[in-house]
N, C-alpha and C. Protein backbone atom coordinates (compact mmCIF):
# COMPACT_ATOMS: atom_id res chain seq x y z
N MET A 1 35.62 5.68 16.34
CA MET A 1 35.23 4.18 16.01
C MET A 1 34.80 4.45 14.48
N ALA A 2 33.91 5.38 14.45
CA ALA A 2 33.47 5.38 13.24
C ALA A 2 34.38 5.65 11.75
N ALA A 3 35.18 6.85 12.11
CA ALA A 3 36.47 7.07 11.12
C ALA A 3 37.32 5.45 11.03
N ASP A 4 37.69 5.02 12.26
CA ASP A 4 38.21 3.29 12.04
C ASP A 4 37.48 2.64 10.79
N LEU A 5 36.38 2.53 11.17
CA LEU A 5 35.59 1.09 10.25
C LEU A 5 35.24 1.96 9.11
N ARG A 6 35.17 3.46 8.92
CA ARG A 6 34.68 3.74 7.67
C ARG A 6 36.23 3.78 6.76
N ALA A 7 37.16 4.07 7.75
CA ALA A 7 38.58 3.70 6.68
C ALA A 7 38.54 2.12 6.49
N HIS A 8 38.58 1.32 7.46
CA HIS A 8 38.49 -0.02 6.89
C HIS A 8 37.47 -0.45 5.56
N ILE A 9 35.92 0.20 5.50
CA ILE A 9 35.44 -0.62 4.39
C ILE A 9 35.83 0.51 2.73
N MET A 10 36.44 1.65 2.92
CA MET A 10 36.75 2.13 2.00
C MET A 10 38.36 1.40 1.43
N SER A 11 38.84 1.03 2.44
CA SER A 11 40.15 0.58 1.80
C SER A 11 39.79 -1.18 1.61
N GLY A 12 38.75 -1.68 1.79
CA GLY A 12 38.34 -3.10 1.56
C GLY A 12 39.05 -4.03 2.32
N LEU A 13 39.49 -3.13 3.74
CA LEU A 13 39.76 -4.59 4.73
C LEU A 13 37.92 -4.83 5.42
N LEU A 14 37.33 -4.21 5.12
CA LEU A 14 36.09 -4.50 5.10
C LEU A 14 35.11 -4.65 4.05
N PRO A 15 34.87 -5.67 3.39
CA PRO A 15 34.58 -5.94 2.08
C PRO A 15 32.97 -5.82 2.27
N SER A 16 32.45 -5.29 1.09
CA SER A 16 31.03 -5.12 0.70
C SER A 16 30.53 -6.32 1.09
N GLY A 17 29.34 -6.13 1.79
CA GLY A 17 28.34 -7.85 2.38
C GLY A 17 28.90 -8.03 3.54
N ALA A 18 29.86 -7.88 4.21
CA ALA A 18 30.98 -7.88 5.52
C ALA A 18 29.65 -7.75 6.25
N GLN A 19 29.67 -8.64 7.54
CA GLN A 19 28.59 -8.35 8.56
C GLN A 19 29.89 -7.72 9.75
N LEU A 20 29.22 -6.67 10.34
CA LEU A 20 29.88 -6.36 11.51
C LEU A 20 30.28 -7.07 12.69
N PRO A 21 30.80 -7.07 13.75
CA PRO A 21 30.90 -8.04 14.83
C PRO A 21 29.70 -7.17 15.78
N SER A 22 29.41 -8.25 16.21
CA SER A 22 27.82 -7.76 17.52
C SER A 22 28.56 -6.09 18.01
N THR A 23 27.36 -5.79 18.76
CA THR A 23 27.53 -4.33 19.44
C THR A 23 28.33 -4.72 20.74
N GLN A 24 28.44 -5.62 21.16
CA GLN A 24 28.96 -6.20 22.65
C GLN A 24 30.71 -6.55 22.03
N GLN A 25 30.64 -6.96 21.08
CA GLN A 25 32.15 -7.54 20.32
C GLN A 25 32.87 -6.08 20.14
N LEU A 26 32.39 -5.51 19.11
CA LEU A 26 32.85 -3.83 18.97
C LEU A 26 33.06 -3.27 20.26
N ALA A 27 32.28 -3.05 20.84
CA ALA A 27 32.19 -2.43 22.24
C ALA A 27 33.83 -2.85 23.20
N GLU A 28 33.81 -4.29 23.48
CA GLU A 28 34.98 -4.58 23.73
C GLU A 28 36.46 -4.65 22.91
N GLN A 29 36.06 -4.71 21.98
CA GLN A 29 37.38 -4.27 20.90
C GLN A 29 37.68 -2.67 21.02
N TYR A 30 37.31 -1.93 21.12
CA TYR A 30 36.93 -0.24 21.16
C TYR A 30 37.25 0.00 22.69
N GLY A 31 36.93 -0.74 23.42
CA GLY A 31 37.04 -0.50 24.63
C GLY A 31 35.90 1.04 25.24
N CYS A 32 35.05 0.83 24.89
CA CYS A 32 33.82 1.57 25.30
C CYS A 32 32.44 1.31 25.42
N ALA A 33 31.39 2.22 25.70
CA ALA A 33 30.06 1.78 25.95
C ALA A 33 29.49 1.15 24.64
N PRO A 34 28.56 0.34 24.94
CA PRO A 34 27.52 -0.39 23.64
C PRO A 34 27.21 1.27 23.04
N ALA A 35 26.29 1.70 23.70
CA ALA A 35 25.76 3.33 23.48
C ALA A 35 26.77 4.26 22.31
N THR A 36 27.75 4.16 22.80
CA THR A 36 28.92 4.21 21.72
C THR A 36 29.31 3.74 20.29
N VAL A 37 28.90 2.43 20.75
CA VAL A 37 28.86 1.50 19.47
C VAL A 37 27.82 2.04 18.60
N GLN A 38 26.76 2.09 18.57
CA GLN A 38 25.57 2.21 18.51
C GLN A 38 25.32 3.76 17.64
N GLY A 39 26.11 4.57 18.18
CA GLY A 39 26.13 5.84 18.19
C GLY A 39 26.87 6.03 16.59
N ALA A 40 28.39 5.26 16.48
CA ALA A 40 29.02 5.36 15.15
C ALA A 40 28.70 4.31 14.43
N ILE A 41 27.78 3.00 14.71
CA ILE A 41 26.89 2.62 13.66
C ILE A 41 25.55 2.90 13.06
N LYS A 42 25.24 4.03 13.44
CA LYS A 42 24.02 5.21 13.28
C LYS A 42 24.30 6.01 12.03
N LEU A 43 25.63 6.86 12.68
CA LEU A 43 26.28 7.92 11.84
C LEU A 43 26.52 7.17 10.30
N LEU A 44 27.53 5.68 10.58
CA LEU A 44 27.93 4.99 9.21
C LEU A 44 26.25 4.79 8.43
N LYS A 45 25.20 4.53 9.24
CA LYS A 45 24.23 4.20 7.98
C LYS A 45 23.76 4.98 7.55
N ASP A 46 23.87 6.21 8.26
CA ASP A 46 23.38 8.11 7.75
C ASP A 46 24.17 7.90 6.48
N GLU A 47 25.49 8.16 6.51
CA GLU A 47 26.34 8.23 5.55
C GLU A 47 26.24 6.92 4.29
N ARG A 48 25.74 6.02 4.57
CA ARG A 48 25.12 4.81 3.64
C ARG A 48 26.60 3.95 3.36
N PHE A 49 27.36 3.70 4.85
CA PHE A 49 28.34 3.09 4.07
C PHE A 49 27.68 1.03 5.15
N LEU A 50 26.96 1.51 5.77
CA LEU A 50 26.27 0.05 6.49
C LEU A 50 24.76 0.51 6.19
N GLU A 51 24.47 -0.45 6.29
CA GLU A 51 23.09 -1.15 6.00
C GLU A 51 22.67 -2.22 6.86
N GLY A 52 21.35 -2.01 7.91
CA GLY A 52 20.71 -2.85 8.68
C GLY A 52 19.82 -3.94 7.92
N GLN A 53 20.00 -5.20 8.53
CA GLN A 53 19.04 -6.26 7.77
C GLN A 53 18.17 -6.72 8.90
N PRO A 54 16.92 -6.64 9.38
CA PRO A 54 16.39 -7.23 10.34
C PRO A 54 16.40 -8.45 10.70
N GLY A 55 16.74 -8.81 11.76
CA GLY A 55 16.92 -10.13 12.25
C GLY A 55 18.61 -10.71 11.85
N LYS A 56 19.24 -10.21 10.97
CA LYS A 56 20.40 -10.42 11.22
C LYS A 56 21.72 -9.87 11.32
N GLY A 57 21.54 -8.47 11.31
CA GLY A 57 22.63 -7.86 11.84
C GLY A 57 23.06 -6.64 10.96
N VAL A 58 24.16 -6.27 10.84
CA VAL A 58 24.73 -5.15 10.20
C VAL A 58 26.03 -5.38 8.96
N PHE A 59 25.49 -4.53 7.83
CA PHE A 59 26.31 -5.12 6.79
C PHE A 59 26.95 -3.79 5.92
N VAL A 60 28.04 -3.94 5.47
CA VAL A 60 28.59 -3.19 4.86
C VAL A 60 27.90 -2.98 3.48
N ARG A 61 28.02 -2.02 2.99
CA ARG A 61 26.72 -1.90 1.90
C ARG A 61 27.33 -2.48 0.40
N GLN A 62 26.69 -2.56 -0.35
CA GLN A 62 26.90 -3.57 -1.16
C GLN A 62 27.83 -2.84 -2.15
N ARG A 63 27.97 -1.86 -2.51
CA ARG A 63 28.72 -1.03 -3.62
C ARG A 63 30.18 -0.40 -2.87
N GLN A 64 31.03 -0.65 -3.37
CA GLN A 64 32.43 0.34 -3.28
C GLN A 64 32.16 1.68 -3.29
N PRO A 65 32.62 2.54 -2.96
CA PRO A 65 32.79 4.16 -3.44
C PRO A 65 32.69 4.66 -4.43
N PHE A 66 31.99 5.55 -4.78
CA PHE A 66 31.81 5.98 -6.41
C PHE A 66 32.55 6.84 -6.97
N ALA A 67 33.52 5.68 -8.02
CA ALA A 67 34.83 7.01 -8.44
C ALA A 67 33.79 8.06 -9.73
N VAL A 68 34.31 9.29 -9.20
CA VAL A 68 34.02 9.94 -10.36
C VAL A 68 35.34 10.63 -11.11
N THR A 69 35.18 9.80 -12.22
CA THR A 69 36.38 10.90 -13.09
C THR A 69 36.79 12.05 -13.63
N ALA A 70 37.86 12.85 -13.31
CA ALA A 70 38.51 14.00 -13.04
C ALA A 70 38.25 14.57 -14.83
N ALA A 71 37.46 13.43 -15.96
CA ALA A 71 37.34 14.37 -16.97
C ALA A 71 36.47 15.66 -16.94
N ALA A 72 36.84 16.60 -18.01
CA ALA A 72 36.15 17.68 -17.99
C ALA A 72 34.69 17.56 -18.37
N TYR A 73 34.22 16.79 -19.15
CA TYR A 73 33.34 16.49 -19.20
C TYR A 73 32.27 14.54 -19.30
N LYS A 74 31.36 14.64 -18.96
CA LYS A 74 30.95 13.19 -18.81
C LYS A 74 29.68 13.31 -20.28
N THR A 75 29.86 12.81 -20.71
CA THR A 75 28.52 12.47 -21.63
C THR A 75 27.35 12.18 -21.01
N PRO A 76 26.12 12.20 -21.22
CA PRO A 76 24.92 11.80 -20.40
C PRO A 76 24.42 10.12 -21.17
N VAL A 77 24.25 9.69 -20.74
CA VAL A 77 23.86 7.87 -21.25
C VAL A 77 22.32 7.78 -20.16
N PRO A 78 21.70 7.17 -20.87
CA PRO A 78 20.75 6.26 -19.85
C PRO A 78 20.86 5.76 -18.96
N GLY A 79 20.55 5.63 -17.70
CA GLY A 79 21.10 5.13 -16.64
C GLY A 79 22.37 5.77 -16.10
N GLY A 80 23.06 6.32 -16.95
CA GLY A 80 24.80 6.37 -16.15
C GLY A 80 24.56 8.01 -15.83
N TYR A 81 25.04 8.80 -16.62
CA TYR A 81 25.22 10.37 -16.28
C TYR A 81 24.46 11.10 -16.86
N GLY A 82 24.22 12.25 -16.22
CA GLY A 82 22.87 13.36 -16.66
C GLY A 82 23.27 14.48 -15.69
N TYR A 83 23.19 15.55 -16.10
CA TYR A 83 22.67 16.76 -15.43
C TYR A 83 21.57 17.69 -15.53
N ASP A 84 21.30 18.28 -14.73
CA ASP A 84 20.08 19.64 -14.63
C ASP A 84 20.80 20.76 -14.70
N LEU A 85 20.57 21.64 -16.07
CA LEU A 85 21.32 22.84 -15.57
C LEU A 85 20.28 23.95 -15.13
N LEU A 86 20.97 24.21 -13.86
CA LEU A 86 19.86 25.02 -12.76
C LEU A 86 19.99 26.88 -13.04
N ARG A 87 20.80 27.53 -13.70
CA ARG A 87 21.36 28.89 -13.82
C ARG A 87 22.08 28.73 -15.13
N VAL A 88 22.00 29.70 -15.82
CA VAL A 88 22.94 30.56 -16.71
C VAL A 88 22.82 32.17 -16.75
N SER A 89 23.91 32.60 -16.17
CA SER A 89 23.58 33.79 -15.85
C SER A 89 25.18 34.78 -16.22
N GLU A 90 24.99 36.32 -16.03
CA GLU A 90 26.30 37.12 -16.25
C GLU A 90 26.63 37.52 -14.84
N VAL A 91 28.10 37.30 -14.55
CA VAL A 91 28.29 37.43 -13.26
C VAL A 91 29.57 37.92 -12.80
N GLU A 92 29.62 38.85 -11.86
CA GLU A 92 30.92 38.85 -11.73
C GLU A 92 31.71 37.83 -10.98
N PRO A 93 32.55 37.59 -10.98
CA PRO A 93 33.33 36.20 -10.78
C PRO A 93 33.89 36.24 -9.48
N PRO A 94 34.07 34.89 -8.70
CA PRO A 94 34.84 35.18 -7.34
C PRO A 94 36.18 35.21 -7.82
N ALA A 95 36.65 36.13 -6.71
CA ALA A 95 38.13 36.23 -6.66
C ALA A 95 38.92 35.26 -7.42
N ASP A 96 39.14 34.12 -7.07
CA ASP A 96 39.99 33.40 -7.35
C ASP A 96 39.55 32.66 -8.65
N VAL A 97 38.34 32.78 -9.24
CA VAL A 97 38.13 32.53 -10.54
C VAL A 97 38.79 33.87 -11.46
N ALA A 98 38.63 34.79 -11.22
CA ALA A 98 39.33 36.20 -11.94
C ALA A 98 40.45 35.79 -12.24
N HIS A 99 41.16 35.73 -10.90
CA HIS A 99 42.69 35.47 -11.14
C HIS A 99 42.92 34.39 -12.30
N ALA A 100 42.01 33.69 -12.25
CA ALA A 100 42.48 32.09 -12.59
C ALA A 100 42.53 32.40 -14.54
N LEU A 101 40.92 33.58 -14.47
CA LEU A 101 41.02 33.70 -15.89
C LEU A 101 41.78 34.91 -16.37
N ASP A 102 42.77 35.31 -15.43
CA ASP A 102 43.43 36.55 -15.91
C ASP A 102 42.55 37.75 -16.33
N LEU A 103 41.51 37.76 -15.92
CA LEU A 103 40.46 38.93 -15.83
C LEU A 103 40.87 40.52 -15.01
N ASN A 104 40.36 41.11 -15.94
CA ASN A 104 41.02 42.65 -15.07
C ASN A 104 39.66 43.56 -14.29
N GLU A 105 39.82 43.94 -13.24
CA GLU A 105 39.22 44.14 -12.13
C GLU A 105 37.56 44.60 -12.56
N GLY A 106 36.70 43.94 -11.92
CA GLY A 106 35.18 44.78 -12.64
C GLY A 106 35.00 43.65 -13.41
N GLU A 107 35.47 42.62 -14.52
CA GLU A 107 35.32 42.10 -15.76
C GLU A 107 34.43 40.92 -15.02
N ARG A 108 33.39 40.99 -16.02
CA ARG A 108 32.25 39.93 -15.67
C ARG A 108 32.69 38.31 -16.80
N CYS A 109 31.84 37.62 -15.84
CA CYS A 109 31.88 36.17 -16.63
C CYS A 109 30.78 35.78 -16.87
N VAL A 110 30.03 34.54 -17.75
CA VAL A 110 29.18 33.76 -18.22
C VAL A 110 29.49 32.59 -17.07
N GLU A 111 28.34 32.26 -16.22
CA GLU A 111 28.29 31.18 -15.03
C GLU A 111 27.11 29.87 -15.29
N ARG A 112 27.79 29.03 -15.66
CA ARG A 112 26.95 27.76 -15.71
C ARG A 112 26.91 27.25 -14.56
N HIS A 113 25.51 26.65 -14.00
CA HIS A 113 25.14 26.67 -12.85
C HIS A 113 24.57 24.99 -12.93
N ARG A 114 25.23 23.91 -12.57
CA ARG A 114 24.81 22.44 -12.87
C ARG A 114 25.15 21.55 -11.81
N VAL A 115 23.83 20.64 -11.52
CA VAL A 115 23.72 19.58 -11.06
C VAL A 115 23.83 18.19 -11.92
N LEU A 116 25.20 17.67 -11.63
CA LEU A 116 25.72 16.07 -12.03
C LEU A 116 24.66 15.20 -11.53
N LEU A 117 24.09 14.13 -12.69
CA LEU A 117 23.61 12.98 -11.66
C LEU A 117 24.15 11.86 -12.29
N HIS A 118 23.66 10.78 -11.26
CA HIS A 118 24.59 9.22 -11.91
C HIS A 118 23.19 8.30 -11.53
N ALA A 119 22.52 7.77 -12.76
CA ALA A 119 21.62 7.04 -12.23
C ALA A 119 20.70 7.72 -11.41
N GLY A 120 20.32 9.21 -11.86
CA GLY A 120 19.24 9.90 -11.21
C GLY A 120 19.84 10.66 -10.23
N ASP A 121 20.59 9.54 -9.05
CA ASP A 121 21.20 10.40 -8.09
C ASP A 121 21.97 11.69 -8.18
N PRO A 122 22.32 12.89 -7.36
CA PRO A 122 22.58 13.80 -7.62
C PRO A 122 24.43 13.38 -6.84
N ILE A 123 25.03 13.88 -7.74
CA ILE A 123 26.37 13.51 -7.29
C ILE A 123 27.65 14.47 -7.10
N GLU A 124 27.39 15.59 -8.12
CA GLU A 124 27.87 16.79 -8.43
C GLU A 124 27.51 17.93 -8.63
N LEU A 125 27.63 18.81 -7.70
CA LEU A 125 27.56 20.74 -8.41
C LEU A 125 28.63 21.59 -8.80
N SER A 126 28.36 21.91 -9.91
CA SER A 126 29.08 22.76 -10.79
C SER A 126 29.00 24.54 -10.91
N TRP A 127 29.94 25.15 -10.89
CA TRP A 127 29.60 26.33 -10.97
C TRP A 127 31.15 26.78 -12.01
N SER A 128 30.31 26.51 -13.29
CA SER A 128 31.36 26.83 -14.47
C SER A 128 31.64 28.63 -15.31
N TYR A 129 32.70 29.07 -15.43
CA TYR A 129 32.74 30.60 -15.67
C TYR A 129 33.60 30.67 -16.88
N TYR A 130 33.02 31.63 -18.10
CA TYR A 130 33.61 31.68 -19.14
C TYR A 130 33.75 33.33 -19.19
N PRO A 131 35.12 33.89 -19.74
CA PRO A 131 34.92 35.37 -20.04
C PRO A 131 34.08 35.45 -20.98
N LEU A 132 33.55 36.90 -20.08
CA LEU A 132 32.53 37.30 -21.70
C LEU A 132 33.04 37.49 -23.43
N ALA A 133 34.18 37.77 -23.33
CA ALA A 133 34.72 37.62 -24.55
C ALA A 133 35.09 36.70 -25.45
N ILE A 134 34.65 35.17 -24.75
CA ILE A 134 34.62 34.46 -25.40
C ILE A 134 33.14 33.61 -25.76
N ALA A 135 32.52 34.05 -24.37
CA ALA A 135 30.90 33.52 -24.51
C ALA A 135 29.55 33.97 -24.83
N GLN A 136 30.22 35.50 -24.73
CA GLN A 136 28.78 36.27 -24.98
C GLN A 136 28.62 35.95 -26.55
N GLY A 137 27.26 35.69 -26.64
CA GLY A 137 26.68 35.33 -27.84
C GLY A 137 26.70 34.19 -28.51
N THR A 138 27.12 33.40 -27.29
CA THR A 138 27.38 31.97 -27.78
C THR A 138 26.20 31.05 -27.08
N PRO A 139 25.86 29.60 -27.61
CA PRO A 139 25.43 28.67 -26.83
C PRO A 139 25.54 28.38 -25.21
N LEU A 140 27.61 28.88 -24.93
CA LEU A 140 27.46 28.73 -23.50
C LEU A 140 27.02 29.96 -22.77
N ALA A 141 26.56 31.32 -23.07
CA ALA A 141 25.46 32.15 -22.41
C ALA A 141 24.28 31.93 -22.42
N ARG A 142 23.53 30.87 -23.22
CA ARG A 142 22.39 30.55 -23.40
C ARG A 142 21.82 29.54 -22.01
N GLN A 143 20.56 30.06 -21.73
CA GLN A 143 19.89 28.73 -20.77
C GLN A 143 19.33 27.29 -21.72
N VAL A 144 20.59 26.59 -22.20
CA VAL A 144 20.20 25.75 -23.09
C VAL A 144 21.44 24.18 -22.78
N ARG A 145 21.07 23.48 -22.97
CA ARG A 145 21.80 22.39 -23.07
C ARG A 145 22.78 22.36 -24.16
N ILE A 146 23.65 22.28 -24.04
CA ILE A 146 25.06 21.96 -25.31
C ILE A 146 25.19 20.25 -25.69
N LYS A 147 24.98 20.22 -27.13
CA LYS A 147 25.03 18.90 -27.49
C LYS A 147 26.64 18.81 -27.12
N GLY A 148 27.41 17.75 -26.70
CA GLY A 148 28.97 17.93 -26.42
C GLY A 148 29.36 18.73 -25.30
N GLY A 149 28.71 19.13 -24.57
CA GLY A 149 29.09 20.12 -23.39
C GLY A 149 29.85 21.09 -23.85
N ALA A 150 30.41 21.73 -23.07
CA ALA A 150 31.08 23.00 -22.72
C ALA A 150 32.43 22.77 -23.64
N PRO A 151 33.17 21.62 -23.67
CA PRO A 151 33.98 21.40 -24.77
C PRO A 151 33.80 21.12 -26.13
N LYS A 152 32.88 20.82 -26.73
CA LYS A 152 32.65 20.96 -27.73
C LYS A 152 32.53 22.54 -28.43
N ALA A 153 31.83 23.33 -27.50
CA ALA A 153 31.17 24.67 -27.74
C ALA A 153 32.39 25.40 -27.66
N LEU A 154 33.77 25.30 -26.96
CA LEU A 154 34.79 25.95 -26.86
C LEU A 154 35.48 25.66 -28.30
N ALA A 155 35.50 24.80 -28.57
CA ALA A 155 36.65 23.98 -29.53
C ALA A 155 35.85 24.96 -30.88
N ASP A 156 34.44 25.11 -31.03
CA ASP A 156 33.82 25.33 -31.81
C ASP A 156 34.22 26.71 -31.97
N LEU A 157 34.52 27.60 -30.92
CA LEU A 157 34.97 28.99 -31.06
C LEU A 157 36.22 29.04 -31.43
N GLY A 158 36.98 27.77 -31.57
CA GLY A 158 38.05 28.40 -31.62
C GLY A 158 39.37 28.03 -30.55
N PHE A 159 38.71 27.61 -29.56
CA PHE A 159 39.57 27.44 -28.66
C PHE A 159 39.18 25.74 -27.63
N PRO A 160 39.52 25.09 -28.59
CA PRO A 160 39.83 23.92 -28.14
C PRO A 160 40.29 23.20 -26.65
N GLU A 161 40.21 22.49 -25.76
CA GLU A 161 40.29 22.62 -24.36
C GLU A 161 41.71 21.30 -24.80
N ARG A 162 43.08 22.10 -24.07
CA ARG A 162 44.22 20.93 -24.08
C ARG A 162 44.86 20.62 -22.93
N ILE A 163 44.48 21.22 -21.89
CA ILE A 163 44.62 20.82 -20.54
C ILE A 163 43.91 21.71 -19.17
N PHE A 164 43.91 20.58 -18.50
CA PHE A 164 43.24 21.19 -17.38
C PHE A 164 44.18 20.69 -16.18
N GLU A 165 43.67 21.58 -14.76
CA GLU A 165 44.44 21.80 -13.72
C GLU A 165 43.35 21.78 -12.55
N ASP A 166 43.73 21.18 -11.86
CA ASP A 166 42.91 20.89 -10.41
C ASP A 166 43.51 21.20 -9.14
N ARG A 167 42.97 22.03 -8.44
CA ARG A 167 43.07 22.22 -7.30
C ARG A 167 42.01 21.57 -6.13
N ILE A 168 42.84 20.34 -5.33
CA ILE A 168 41.73 20.03 -4.42
C ILE A 168 41.58 20.03 -2.87
N SER A 169 40.49 20.45 -2.31
CA SER A 169 40.59 20.68 -0.98
C SER A 169 39.22 19.92 -0.12
N VAL A 170 39.24 19.84 0.92
CA VAL A 170 37.71 19.31 2.00
C VAL A 170 37.65 20.73 2.51
N ARG A 171 35.86 20.78 2.72
CA ARG A 171 35.69 21.61 4.05
C ARG A 171 34.32 21.17 4.05
N GLN A 172 33.64 21.93 5.20
CA GLN A 172 32.35 21.88 5.64
C GLN A 172 31.32 22.26 4.43
N PRO A 173 29.92 21.31 4.06
CA PRO A 173 29.26 22.28 2.97
C PRO A 173 28.40 23.16 3.50
N ARG A 174 27.78 24.02 2.15
CA ARG A 174 27.34 25.22 2.24
C ARG A 174 25.31 24.08 2.46
N THR A 175 24.81 25.43 2.94
CA THR A 175 23.18 24.60 2.93
C THR A 175 22.82 24.52 2.04
N GLU A 176 23.28 24.91 0.69
CA GLU A 176 22.74 24.69 -0.72
C GLU A 176 23.15 23.60 -1.26
N GLU A 177 24.18 23.41 -0.80
CA GLU A 177 24.90 21.60 -1.32
C GLU A 177 24.94 20.73 -0.44
N VAL A 178 23.95 20.98 0.41
CA VAL A 178 23.53 20.03 1.75
C VAL A 178 22.18 19.43 0.78
N VAL A 179 21.46 20.46 0.61
CA VAL A 179 20.16 19.91 -0.03
C VAL A 179 20.05 19.56 -1.37
N LEU A 180 20.87 20.26 -2.20
CA LEU A 180 20.96 19.80 -3.23
C LEU A 180 21.50 18.18 -3.89
N LEU A 181 22.63 18.21 -3.13
CA LEU A 181 23.44 16.63 -3.44
C LEU A 181 22.61 15.68 -2.27
N ASP A 182 21.91 15.91 -1.30
CA ASP A 182 21.21 15.49 -0.59
C ASP A 182 22.38 14.46 0.52
N LEU A 183 23.02 15.72 1.08
CA LEU A 183 24.18 14.97 1.86
C LEU A 183 23.19 14.95 3.63
N PRO A 184 24.25 13.57 3.98
CA PRO A 184 23.96 13.44 5.69
C PRO A 184 24.76 14.60 6.37
N SER A 185 23.96 14.72 7.26
CA SER A 185 24.61 15.81 8.39
C SER A 185 26.24 15.37 8.73
N ASP A 186 26.51 16.27 8.99
CA ASP A 186 28.13 17.04 8.86
C ASP A 186 29.20 16.10 8.10
N VAL A 187 28.70 15.66 7.28
CA VAL A 187 29.55 14.99 5.82
C VAL A 187 30.55 16.23 5.32
N PRO A 188 31.66 16.14 4.99
CA PRO A 188 32.37 17.02 4.43
C PRO A 188 32.39 17.18 2.69
N VAL A 189 32.54 18.10 1.81
CA VAL A 189 32.41 17.82 0.79
C VAL A 189 33.85 18.07 0.14
N ILE A 190 34.36 17.28 -1.03
CA ILE A 190 35.44 17.30 -1.82
C ILE A 190 35.21 19.13 -2.70
N ARG A 191 35.98 19.81 -2.72
CA ARG A 191 36.35 20.89 -3.60
C ARG A 191 37.52 20.81 -4.80
N GLN A 192 36.34 20.41 -5.83
CA GLN A 192 37.54 20.92 -6.99
C GLN A 192 37.61 22.22 -7.56
N PHE A 193 38.93 22.72 -7.89
CA PHE A 193 38.43 23.94 -8.29
C PHE A 193 39.55 23.63 -9.61
N ARG A 194 38.97 24.40 -11.01
CA ARG A 194 39.52 23.98 -12.10
C ARG A 194 39.45 24.51 -13.11
N VAL A 195 41.03 24.56 -13.82
CA VAL A 195 41.56 26.06 -14.53
C VAL A 195 41.31 25.07 -15.90
N ILE A 196 40.84 25.34 -17.03
CA ILE A 196 40.93 24.69 -18.36
C ILE A 196 41.69 25.75 -19.51
N ARG A 197 42.36 25.12 -19.89
CA ARG A 197 43.31 25.97 -20.77
C ARG A 197 43.62 25.65 -22.32
N SER A 198 43.38 26.38 -23.46
CA SER A 198 43.59 26.42 -24.89
C SER A 198 44.75 26.53 -25.13
N ASP A 199 45.03 26.74 -26.27
CA ASP A 199 46.15 26.87 -26.72
C ASP A 199 46.85 27.93 -26.29
N ALA A 200 48.21 27.76 -26.29
CA ALA A 200 49.32 29.28 -25.72
C ALA A 200 48.71 28.97 -24.08
N GLU A 201 48.44 28.21 -23.62
CA GLU A 201 47.87 27.99 -22.25
C GLU A 201 46.85 29.07 -21.64
N ARG A 202 45.92 29.37 -23.04
CA ARG A 202 45.16 30.77 -22.64
C ARG A 202 43.94 29.81 -21.90
N PRO A 203 43.67 30.52 -20.67
CA PRO A 203 42.24 30.13 -19.71
C PRO A 203 41.11 30.40 -20.32
N VAL A 204 40.52 29.50 -20.68
CA VAL A 204 38.71 29.75 -21.23
C VAL A 204 37.89 29.23 -20.12
N GLU A 205 38.36 28.48 -19.36
CA GLU A 205 36.74 28.33 -18.26
C GLU A 205 37.72 27.92 -17.23
N ALA A 206 36.91 28.04 -15.93
CA ALA A 206 37.39 28.23 -14.46
C ALA A 206 36.20 27.37 -14.00
N SER A 207 36.37 25.98 -12.86
CA SER A 207 34.86 25.64 -12.70
C SER A 207 35.41 25.35 -10.96
N ILE A 208 34.26 25.57 -10.13
CA ILE A 208 34.01 24.95 -9.08
C ILE A 208 33.24 23.18 -9.10
N LEU A 209 33.31 22.80 -8.28
CA LEU A 209 33.01 21.45 -8.24
C LEU A 209 33.13 21.07 -6.90
N ILE A 210 31.73 20.68 -6.71
CA ILE A 210 31.62 20.18 -5.24
C ILE A 210 30.94 18.71 -5.53
N LYS A 211 31.51 17.80 -4.64
CA LYS A 211 30.80 16.62 -4.17
C LYS A 211 30.94 15.59 -2.74
N GLY A 212 30.30 15.17 -2.08
CA GLY A 212 30.17 14.66 -1.26
C GLY A 212 31.40 14.23 -0.73
N GLY A 213 32.00 14.02 0.11
CA GLY A 213 33.32 13.27 0.57
C GLY A 213 33.01 11.69 1.50
N HIS A 214 31.92 11.43 1.52
CA HIS A 214 31.62 10.35 2.02
C HIS A 214 31.55 9.00 1.26
N LEU A 215 31.26 8.58 -0.08
CA LEU A 215 31.19 8.03 -0.97
C LEU A 215 31.40 8.13 -2.03
N PHE A 216 32.39 9.35 -2.15
CA PHE A 216 32.80 9.39 -3.67
C PHE A 216 34.47 9.31 -3.73
N GLU A 217 34.83 9.28 -4.53
CA GLU A 217 36.40 9.21 -4.74
C GLU A 217 36.95 10.01 -6.09
N VAL A 218 37.90 10.80 -6.31
CA VAL A 218 38.15 11.49 -7.40
C VAL A 218 39.20 10.56 -8.14
N LEU A 219 38.93 10.39 -9.20
CA LEU A 219 39.88 9.35 -10.07
C LEU A 219 40.67 9.97 -11.11
N TYR A 220 41.75 9.70 -11.33
CA TYR A 220 42.78 10.86 -12.33
C TYR A 220 43.33 9.27 -12.89
N ARG A 221 43.71 9.65 -14.20
CA ARG A 221 44.73 8.66 -14.85
C ARG A 221 45.52 9.35 -15.99
N GLN A 222 46.79 9.49 -15.72
CA GLN A 222 47.53 9.79 -17.02
C GLN A 222 49.09 8.69 -17.45
N LEU A 223 48.81 9.09 -18.64
CA LEU A 223 49.82 8.19 -19.22
C LEU A 223 51.29 8.39 -18.94
N ALA A 224 52.24 8.02 -18.72
CA ALA A 224 53.82 8.37 -18.28
C ALA A 224 54.26 8.38 -19.51
N GLN A 225 55.10 9.95 -19.86
CA GLN A 225 55.63 10.32 -20.55
C GLN A 225 56.94 9.56 -20.94
N PRO A 226 57.48 9.24 -22.54
CA PRO A 226 58.68 8.66 -22.65
C PRO A 226 59.98 9.64 -21.56
N GLY A 227 60.65 8.04 -21.04
CA GLY A 227 61.93 8.38 -20.21
C GLY A 227 60.99 8.09 -18.62
N GLU A 228 59.72 8.59 -18.68
CA GLU A 228 58.83 8.55 -17.26
C GLU A 228 59.03 7.22 -16.73
N ARG A 229 59.08 7.06 -15.18
CA ARG A 229 58.68 5.55 -14.38
C ARG A 229 57.26 5.73 -13.52
């Protein structure tokens, strides 16, 4: 039932501000006990899809799913995007990162770990990796915010970002992700594995991006090439 109502909300079939039928009406509609309805409603309240208004009923939340654009960098602005830089360190990268960056066995990277905020709320965790051959001794390797972000730093080093590719999957969150993103229990996360390439398709950055799957969508927009429809 919760999955069905969630799908109706995300598709707009149940629009923002719409009042849900009564517990008894939903129980009859789904052929279940009132306690089952109450459990589904509590789950969706915890996920912030629904809100109760005392003396009035239960209503669909006032905002639609938050669309996180797939842009490689989001400019911080007051009341909009911002971020906290959690850690910058030299590490041995995960195997998929090492493979994506064409690193030799045992080769290390600079890791930048951040939490992206929107209007002060955490919406995404990121771990971005840069080969030492590119990042060592540069702002990318320092525990500082970079004006213009990593794209500016890479461009200044002669590695302008030309293209990025994402692999997207869904999984259950780790404890750190639940805490830092303030996730409800049992909510899966969207995992983006992003590889950014410069000239000659040289990989210059690999990032793991994690966001809650309950209120967020990933938005892609691409212009059609001549001859495409």
